Amino acid sequence: MRIGELAARTGVSVRSLRYYEDQQLLGSERSPGGQRHYAEYAVDRVRMIQQLYAAGLSSKTILGILPCVVTGEVTPELLGRLTAERDRIDRQISDLAATRDRLDTIISASTCVHEAGGHCAPEGGARPLAAEGACR
């Protein structure tokens, strides 16, 4: 498939696909006219690259991971890096869950009614939530 089709199927810009090639994360064959052509597996590879980028992995780390995705073999060094990345992602998930829980608490506590000073209070004028840093 050509680069435009890969971009459409994955929701990734043509520019990003070219960047992935520059970083050696993705390969293509060139036609005699110089057009890029990708194998069908490129769709899954681009989606995986996107997931790894979204999780905060660098292109260098992703480049190190890709061979073991194909072969299933992981060196002890790579296993250590993968474990560290997984642990970092777990911490990030915990932090995000704590933030979500805090927002849920604020949302369920009341509907904010803005007062003149920019603070919020539950309807009825009870204890201001701004003391906890909410609703500014």
N, C-alpha and C. Protein backbone atom coordinates (compact mmCIF):
# COMPACT_ATOMS: atom_id res chain seq x y z
N MET A 1 0.85 -1.17 0.00
CA MET A 1 0.00 0.00 0.00
C MET A 1 0.89 1.23 0.00
N ARG A 2 0.37 2.33 -0.52
CA ARG A 2 1.13 3.57 -0.57
C ARG A 2 0.98 4.33 0.74
N ILE A 3 1.81 5.34 0.91
CA ILE A 3 1.89 6.07 2.18
C ILE A 3 0.56 6.73 2.56
N GLY A 4 -0.16 7.24 1.58
CA GLY A 4 -1.45 7.88 1.87
C GLY A 4 -2.46 6.89 2.40
N GLU A 5 -2.46 5.69 1.85
CA GLU A 5 -3.39 4.65 2.33
C GLU A 5 -3.02 4.22 3.75
N LEU A 6 -1.73 4.05 4.02
CA LEU A 6 -1.30 3.68 5.37
C LEU A 6 -1.69 4.78 6.36
N ALA A 7 -1.51 6.01 5.96
CA ALA A 7 -1.90 7.13 6.82
C ALA A 7 -3.40 7.09 7.10
N ALA A 8 -4.20 6.87 6.08
CA ALA A 8 -5.65 6.83 6.24
C ALA A 8 -6.08 5.65 7.12
N ARG A 9 -5.47 4.51 6.94
CA ARG A 9 -5.87 3.32 7.70
C ARG A 9 -5.45 3.38 9.16
N THR A 10 -4.41 4.14 9.47
CA THR A 10 -3.92 4.18 10.84
C THR A 10 -4.27 5.48 11.56
N GLY A 11 -4.72 6.48 10.82
CA GLY A 11 -5.01 7.76 11.43
C GLY A 11 -3.76 8.56 11.78
N VAL A 12 -2.66 8.21 11.15
CA VAL A 12 -1.37 8.86 11.40
C VAL A 12 -1.03 9.69 10.17
N SER A 13 -0.46 10.86 10.39
CA SER A 13 -0.14 11.73 9.26
C SER A 13 0.98 11.14 8.41
N VAL A 14 1.00 11.53 7.15
CA VAL A 14 2.08 11.13 6.24
C VAL A 14 3.41 11.60 6.80
N ARG A 15 3.43 12.79 7.36
CA ARG A 15 4.65 13.33 7.95
C ARG A 15 5.17 12.42 9.07
N SER A 16 4.26 11.94 9.92
CA SER A 16 4.67 11.03 11.00
C SER A 16 5.23 9.73 10.43
N LEU A 17 4.61 9.21 9.40
CA LEU A 17 5.10 7.97 8.79
C LEU A 17 6.51 8.16 8.24
N ARG A 18 6.75 9.30 7.63
CA ARG A 18 8.10 9.59 7.14
C ARG A 18 9.08 9.69 8.31
N TYR A 19 8.64 10.30 9.40
CA TYR A 19 9.48 10.39 10.60
C TYR A 19 9.81 9.00 11.13
N TYR A 20 8.81 8.11 11.17
CA TYR A 20 9.05 6.75 11.63
C TYR A 20 10.11 6.07 10.78
N GLU A 21 10.08 6.32 9.48
CA GLU A 21 11.10 5.76 8.61
C GLU A 21 12.47 6.36 8.92
N ASP A 22 12.50 7.68 9.12
CA ASP A 22 13.78 8.32 9.46
C ASP A 22 14.37 7.75 10.74
N GLN A 23 13.50 7.38 11.69
CA GLN A 23 13.94 6.81 12.96
C GLN A 23 14.15 5.30 12.88
N GLN A 24 13.96 4.73 11.71
CA GLN A 24 14.10 3.29 11.44
C GLN A 24 13.09 2.44 12.19
N LEU A 25 11.94 3.03 12.51
CA LEU A 25 10.87 2.30 13.18
C LEU A 25 9.97 1.59 12.17
N LEU A 26 10.01 2.04 10.95
CA LEU A 26 9.13 1.55 9.90
C LEU A 26 9.92 1.50 8.61
N GLY A 27 9.68 0.46 7.85
CA GLY A 27 10.37 0.34 6.57
C GLY A 27 9.40 0.28 5.42
N SER A 28 9.88 0.63 4.26
CA SER A 28 9.06 0.55 3.05
C SER A 28 9.95 0.14 1.89
N GLU A 29 9.31 -0.33 0.86
CA GLU A 29 9.99 -0.59 -0.40
C GLU A 29 9.73 0.61 -1.29
N ARG A 30 10.65 0.90 -2.19
CA ARG A 30 10.46 2.02 -3.12
C ARG A 30 10.16 1.48 -4.51
N SER A 31 9.20 2.11 -5.15
CA SER A 31 8.89 1.78 -6.53
C SER A 31 9.97 2.39 -7.43
N PRO A 32 10.02 1.99 -8.69
CA PRO A 32 11.00 2.60 -9.61
C PRO A 32 10.86 4.13 -9.67
N GLY A 33 9.65 4.63 -9.42
CA GLY A 33 9.42 6.06 -9.41
C GLY A 33 9.72 6.72 -8.08
N GLY A 34 10.15 5.92 -7.08
CA GLY A 34 10.53 6.46 -5.78
C GLY A 34 9.40 6.53 -4.76
N GLN A 35 8.22 6.01 -5.12
CA GLN A 35 7.11 6.03 -4.17
C GLN A 35 7.28 4.93 -3.13
N ARG A 36 6.88 5.26 -1.89
CA ARG A 36 6.95 4.29 -0.80
C ARG A 36 5.78 3.30 -0.93
N HIS A 37 6.11 2.04 -0.67
CA HIS A 37 5.08 0.99 -0.63
C HIS A 37 5.31 0.18 0.66
N TYR A 38 4.21 -0.05 1.38
CA TYR A 38 4.28 -0.72 2.67
C TYR A 38 3.56 -2.06 2.61
N ALA A 39 4.08 -3.01 3.35
CA ALA A 39 3.44 -4.31 3.49
C ALA A 39 2.22 -4.17 4.40
N GLU A 40 1.34 -5.13 4.36
CA GLU A 40 0.11 -5.10 5.16
C GLU A 40 0.41 -5.02 6.66
N TYR A 41 1.48 -5.69 7.11
CA TYR A 41 1.81 -5.68 8.54
C TYR A 41 2.15 -4.28 9.06
N ALA A 42 2.44 -3.33 8.16
CA ALA A 42 2.79 -1.97 8.57
C ALA A 42 1.65 -1.31 9.35
N VAL A 43 0.41 -1.69 9.07
CA VAL A 43 -0.73 -1.11 9.79
C VAL A 43 -0.61 -1.43 11.28
N ASP A 44 -0.39 -2.69 11.61
CA ASP A 44 -0.25 -3.07 13.02
C ASP A 44 1.00 -2.45 13.64
N ARG A 45 2.08 -2.38 12.89
CA ARG A 45 3.31 -1.81 13.42
C ARG A 45 3.11 -0.32 13.74
N VAL A 46 2.47 0.42 12.87
CA VAL A 46 2.23 1.85 13.12
C VAL A 46 1.34 2.02 14.34
N ARG A 47 0.33 1.20 14.47
CA ARG A 47 -0.55 1.29 15.65
C ARG A 47 0.23 1.01 16.93
N MET A 48 1.12 0.03 16.89
CA MET A 48 1.92 -0.29 18.06
C MET A 48 2.87 0.88 18.38
N ILE A 49 3.49 1.44 17.36
CA ILE A 49 4.38 2.59 17.56
C ILE A 49 3.60 3.72 18.21
N GLN A 50 2.40 3.98 17.75
CA GLN A 50 1.57 5.04 18.31
C GLN A 50 1.26 4.76 19.78
N GLN A 51 0.93 3.52 20.11
CA GLN A 51 0.65 3.16 21.51
C GLN A 51 1.89 3.40 22.39
N LEU A 52 3.03 3.00 21.90
CA LEU A 52 4.26 3.15 22.68
C LEU A 52 4.63 4.62 22.86
N TYR A 53 4.46 5.40 21.80
CA TYR A 53 4.69 6.86 21.93
C TYR A 53 3.71 7.46 22.92
N ALA A 54 2.46 7.09 22.83
CA ALA A 54 1.44 7.63 23.73
C ALA A 54 1.74 7.28 25.18
N ALA A 55 2.40 6.15 25.40
CA ALA A 55 2.76 5.73 26.76
C ALA A 55 4.04 6.43 27.25
N GLY A 56 4.65 7.24 26.38
CA GLY A 56 5.81 8.01 26.80
C GLY A 56 7.16 7.40 26.44
N LEU A 57 7.18 6.35 25.65
CA LEU A 57 8.45 5.75 25.26
C LEU A 57 9.09 6.58 24.16
N SER A 58 10.41 6.65 24.18
CA SER A 58 11.14 7.39 23.16
C SER A 58 11.30 6.54 21.90
N SER A 59 11.65 7.20 20.80
CA SER A 59 11.86 6.46 19.56
C SER A 59 13.04 5.49 19.71
N LYS A 60 14.04 5.87 20.49
CA LYS A 60 15.19 4.98 20.72
C LYS A 60 14.75 3.71 21.46
N THR A 61 13.91 3.87 22.47
CA THR A 61 13.42 2.71 23.21
C THR A 61 12.54 1.84 22.32
N ILE A 62 11.68 2.48 21.54
CA ILE A 62 10.81 1.73 20.62
C ILE A 62 11.65 0.96 19.62
N LEU A 63 12.69 1.59 19.10
CA LEU A 63 13.57 0.92 18.14
C LEU A 63 14.18 -0.34 18.75
N GLY A 64 14.51 -0.28 20.03
CA GLY A 64 15.06 -1.45 20.71
C GLY A 64 14.05 -2.54 20.95
N ILE A 65 12.78 -2.17 21.05
CA ILE A 65 11.71 -3.13 21.30
C ILE A 65 11.30 -3.88 20.04
N LEU A 66 11.28 -3.20 18.92
CA LEU A 66 10.72 -3.76 17.69
C LEU A 66 11.30 -5.11 17.27
N PRO A 67 12.61 -5.31 17.35
CA PRO A 67 13.12 -6.64 16.95
C PRO A 67 12.55 -7.78 17.79
N CYS A 68 12.37 -7.54 19.09
CA CYS A 68 11.86 -8.64 19.92
C CYS A 68 10.38 -8.87 19.67
N VAL A 69 9.68 -7.90 19.14
CA VAL A 69 8.27 -8.11 18.77
C VAL A 69 8.21 -9.11 17.63
N VAL A 70 9.16 -9.02 16.71
CA VAL A 70 9.20 -9.91 15.56
C VAL A 70 9.72 -11.29 15.95
N THR A 71 10.81 -11.33 16.72
CA THR A 71 11.45 -12.62 17.02
C THR A 71 10.94 -13.27 18.30
N GLY A 72 10.43 -12.46 19.22
CA GLY A 72 10.01 -12.99 20.51
C GLY A 72 11.15 -13.14 21.49
N GLU A 73 12.36 -12.80 21.07
CA GLU A 73 13.53 -12.93 21.93
C GLU A 73 13.84 -11.59 22.59
N VAL A 74 14.13 -11.65 23.90
CA VAL A 74 14.42 -10.44 24.67
C VAL A 74 15.74 -10.65 25.39
N THR A 75 16.66 -9.72 25.21
CA THR A 75 17.95 -9.80 25.92
C THR A 75 17.73 -9.37 27.38
N PRO A 76 18.61 -9.77 28.28
CA PRO A 76 18.48 -9.33 29.67
C PRO A 76 18.49 -7.80 29.80
N GLU A 77 19.31 -7.12 29.00
CA GLU A 77 19.36 -5.65 29.04
C GLU A 77 18.02 -5.06 28.63
N LEU A 78 17.47 -5.57 27.55
CA LEU A 78 16.18 -5.06 27.08
C LEU A 78 15.08 -5.39 28.08
N LEU A 79 15.13 -6.55 28.67
CA LEU A 79 14.14 -6.92 29.67
C LEU A 79 14.15 -5.93 30.83
N GLY A 80 15.34 -5.51 31.25
CA GLY A 80 15.45 -4.50 32.30
C GLY A 80 14.83 -3.18 31.88
N ARG A 81 15.09 -2.75 30.65
CA ARG A 81 14.50 -1.50 30.15
C ARG A 81 12.99 -1.59 30.05
N LEU A 82 12.52 -2.74 29.56
CA LEU A 82 11.06 -2.92 29.42
C LEU A 82 10.38 -2.92 30.79
N THR A 83 11.02 -3.57 31.75
CA THR A 83 10.48 -3.60 33.11
C THR A 83 10.43 -2.20 33.70
N ALA A 84 11.48 -1.42 33.49
CA ALA A 84 11.51 -0.04 34.00
C ALA A 84 10.41 0.80 33.34
N GLU A 85 10.22 0.63 32.05
CA GLU A 85 9.16 1.37 31.34
C GLU A 85 7.78 0.96 31.85
N ARG A 86 7.60 -0.34 32.05
CA ARG A 86 6.31 -0.83 32.56
C ARG A 86 6.03 -0.27 33.94
N ASP A 87 7.07 -0.23 34.79
CA ASP A 87 6.90 0.31 36.14
C ASP A 87 6.57 1.80 36.10
N ARG A 88 7.22 2.54 35.17
CA ARG A 88 6.93 3.96 35.01
C ARG A 88 5.48 4.17 34.57
N ILE A 89 5.02 3.34 33.64
CA ILE A 89 3.64 3.43 33.16
C ILE A 89 2.67 3.10 34.29
N ASP A 90 3.00 2.09 35.10
CA ASP A 90 2.15 1.76 36.25
C ASP A 90 2.03 2.93 37.22
N ARG A 91 3.16 3.63 37.47
CA ARG A 91 3.11 4.81 38.35
C ARG A 91 2.25 5.91 37.72
N GLN A 92 2.39 6.07 36.43
CA GLN A 92 1.60 7.09 35.72
C GLN A 92 0.11 6.75 35.80
N ILE A 93 -0.23 5.49 35.64
CA ILE A 93 -1.63 5.06 35.74
C ILE A 93 -2.16 5.34 37.14
N SER A 94 -1.37 5.02 38.16
CA SER A 94 -1.78 5.28 39.55
C SER A 94 -2.00 6.77 39.80
N ASP A 95 -1.08 7.59 39.29
CA ASP A 95 -1.23 9.04 39.44
C ASP A 95 -2.48 9.55 38.74
N LEU A 96 -2.72 9.06 37.55
CA LEU A 96 -3.92 9.48 36.81
C LEU A 96 -5.19 9.02 37.53
N ALA A 97 -5.19 7.81 38.06
CA ALA A 97 -6.36 7.32 38.79
C ALA A 97 -6.61 8.15 40.04
N ALA A 98 -5.56 8.54 40.74
CA ALA A 98 -5.72 9.38 41.93
C ALA A 98 -6.29 10.75 41.55
N THR A 99 -5.82 11.29 40.44
CA THR A 99 -6.34 12.57 39.97
C THR A 99 -7.81 12.44 39.59
N ARG A 100 -8.16 11.37 38.89
CA ARG A 100 -9.56 11.13 38.52
C ARG A 100 -10.42 11.00 39.77
N ASP A 101 -9.94 10.27 40.77
CA ASP A 101 -10.71 10.09 42.00
C ASP A 101 -10.92 11.42 42.72
N ARG A 102 -9.90 12.25 42.71
CA ARG A 102 -10.04 13.57 43.35
C ARG A 102 -11.09 14.40 42.62
N LEU A 103 -11.04 14.37 41.29
CA LEU A 103 -12.05 15.10 40.50
C LEU A 103 -13.44 14.54 40.76
N ASP A 104 -13.57 13.22 40.84
CA ASP A 104 -14.87 12.61 41.15
C ASP A 104 -15.40 13.09 42.49
N THR A 105 -14.52 13.20 43.49
CA THR A 105 -14.92 13.67 44.81
C THR A 105 -15.45 15.10 44.72
N ILE A 106 -14.72 15.94 44.01
CA ILE A 106 -15.15 17.33 43.86
C ILE A 106 -16.46 17.41 43.10
N ILE A 107 -16.58 16.65 42.03
CA ILE A 107 -17.81 16.68 41.22
C ILE A 107 -19.00 16.20 42.02
N SER A 108 -18.84 15.11 42.75
CA SER A 108 -19.98 14.56 43.49
C SER A 108 -20.30 15.34 44.76
N ALA A 109 -19.33 16.12 45.27
CA ALA A 109 -19.57 16.89 46.49
C ALA A 109 -20.61 17.97 46.26
N SER A 110 -20.57 18.60 45.11
CA SER A 110 -21.52 19.67 44.85
C SER A 110 -21.38 20.20 43.46
N THR A 111 -22.28 21.05 43.16
CA THR A 111 -22.19 21.82 41.94
C THR A 111 -21.60 23.16 42.35
N CYS A 112 -20.57 23.57 41.69
CA CYS A 112 -19.91 24.82 42.08
C CYS A 112 -20.78 26.01 41.76
N VAL A 113 -20.88 26.89 42.73
CA VAL A 113 -21.55 28.16 42.55
C VAL A 113 -20.48 29.21 42.78
N HIS A 114 -20.11 29.92 41.74
CA HIS A 114 -19.02 30.90 41.85
C HIS A 114 -19.47 32.10 42.66
N GLU A 115 -18.66 32.44 43.64
CA GLU A 115 -18.91 33.61 44.47
C GLU A 115 -18.09 34.78 43.95
N ALA A 116 -18.27 35.92 44.47
CA ALA A 116 -17.59 37.12 44.01
C ALA A 116 -16.08 37.00 44.05
N GLY A 117 -15.53 36.34 45.02
CA GLY A 117 -14.08 36.21 45.16
C GLY A 117 -13.47 35.15 44.27
N GLY A 118 -14.26 34.52 43.40
CA GLY A 118 -13.74 33.49 42.52
C GLY A 118 -13.68 32.13 43.17
N HIS A 119 -14.16 32.00 44.41
CA HIS A 119 -14.16 30.71 45.08
C HIS A 119 -15.45 29.98 44.75
N CYS A 120 -15.46 28.71 45.01
CA CYS A 120 -16.65 27.91 44.78
C CYS A 120 -17.15 27.36 46.10
N ALA A 121 -18.42 27.17 46.17
CA ALA A 121 -19.02 26.59 47.37
C ALA A 121 -20.15 25.69 46.93
N PRO A 122 -20.43 24.65 47.70
CA PRO A 122 -21.58 23.83 47.38
C PRO A 122 -22.83 24.70 47.42
N GLU A 123 -23.84 24.32 46.65
CA GLU A 123 -25.08 25.07 46.69
C GLU A 123 -25.56 25.15 48.13
N GLY A 124 -26.06 26.30 48.52
CA GLY A 124 -26.48 26.50 49.89
C GLY A 124 -25.40 27.22 50.69
N GLY A 125 -24.21 27.45 50.09
CA GLY A 125 -23.18 28.25 50.73
C GLY A 125 -22.38 27.54 51.80
N ALA A 126 -22.30 26.23 51.79
CA ALA A 126 -21.53 25.50 52.80
C ALA A 126 -20.03 25.72 52.58
N ARG A 127 -19.20 24.96 53.26
CA ARG A 127 -17.74 25.07 53.24
C ARG A 127 -17.20 25.24 51.81
N PRO A 128 -16.36 26.29 51.58
CA PRO A 128 -15.79 26.49 50.25
C PRO A 128 -14.85 25.35 49.88
N LEU A 129 -14.95 24.89 48.64
CA LEU A 129 -14.04 23.85 48.15
C LEU A 129 -12.70 24.45 47.75
N ALA A 130 -12.65 25.77 47.59
CA ALA A 130 -11.41 26.42 47.15
C ALA A 130 -10.27 26.19 48.13
N ALA A 131 -10.57 25.91 49.36
CA ALA A 131 -9.54 25.65 50.35
C ALA A 131 -8.72 24.41 49.96
N GLU A 132 -9.33 23.52 49.19
CA GLU A 132 -8.62 22.32 48.72
C GLU A 132 -8.00 22.55 47.33
N GLY A 133 -8.12 23.78 46.84
CA GLY A 133 -7.54 24.07 45.54
C GLY A 133 -8.48 23.80 44.38
N ALA A 134 -9.74 23.62 44.64
CA ALA A 134 -10.68 23.30 43.58
C ALA A 134 -11.39 24.55 43.10
N CYS A 135 -11.88 24.52 41.92
CA CYS A 135 -12.79 25.51 41.35
C CYS A 135 -12.25 26.92 41.40
N ARG A 136 -11.19 27.20 40.77
CA ARG A 136 -10.66 28.58 40.73
C ARG A 136 -11.00 29.21 39.42
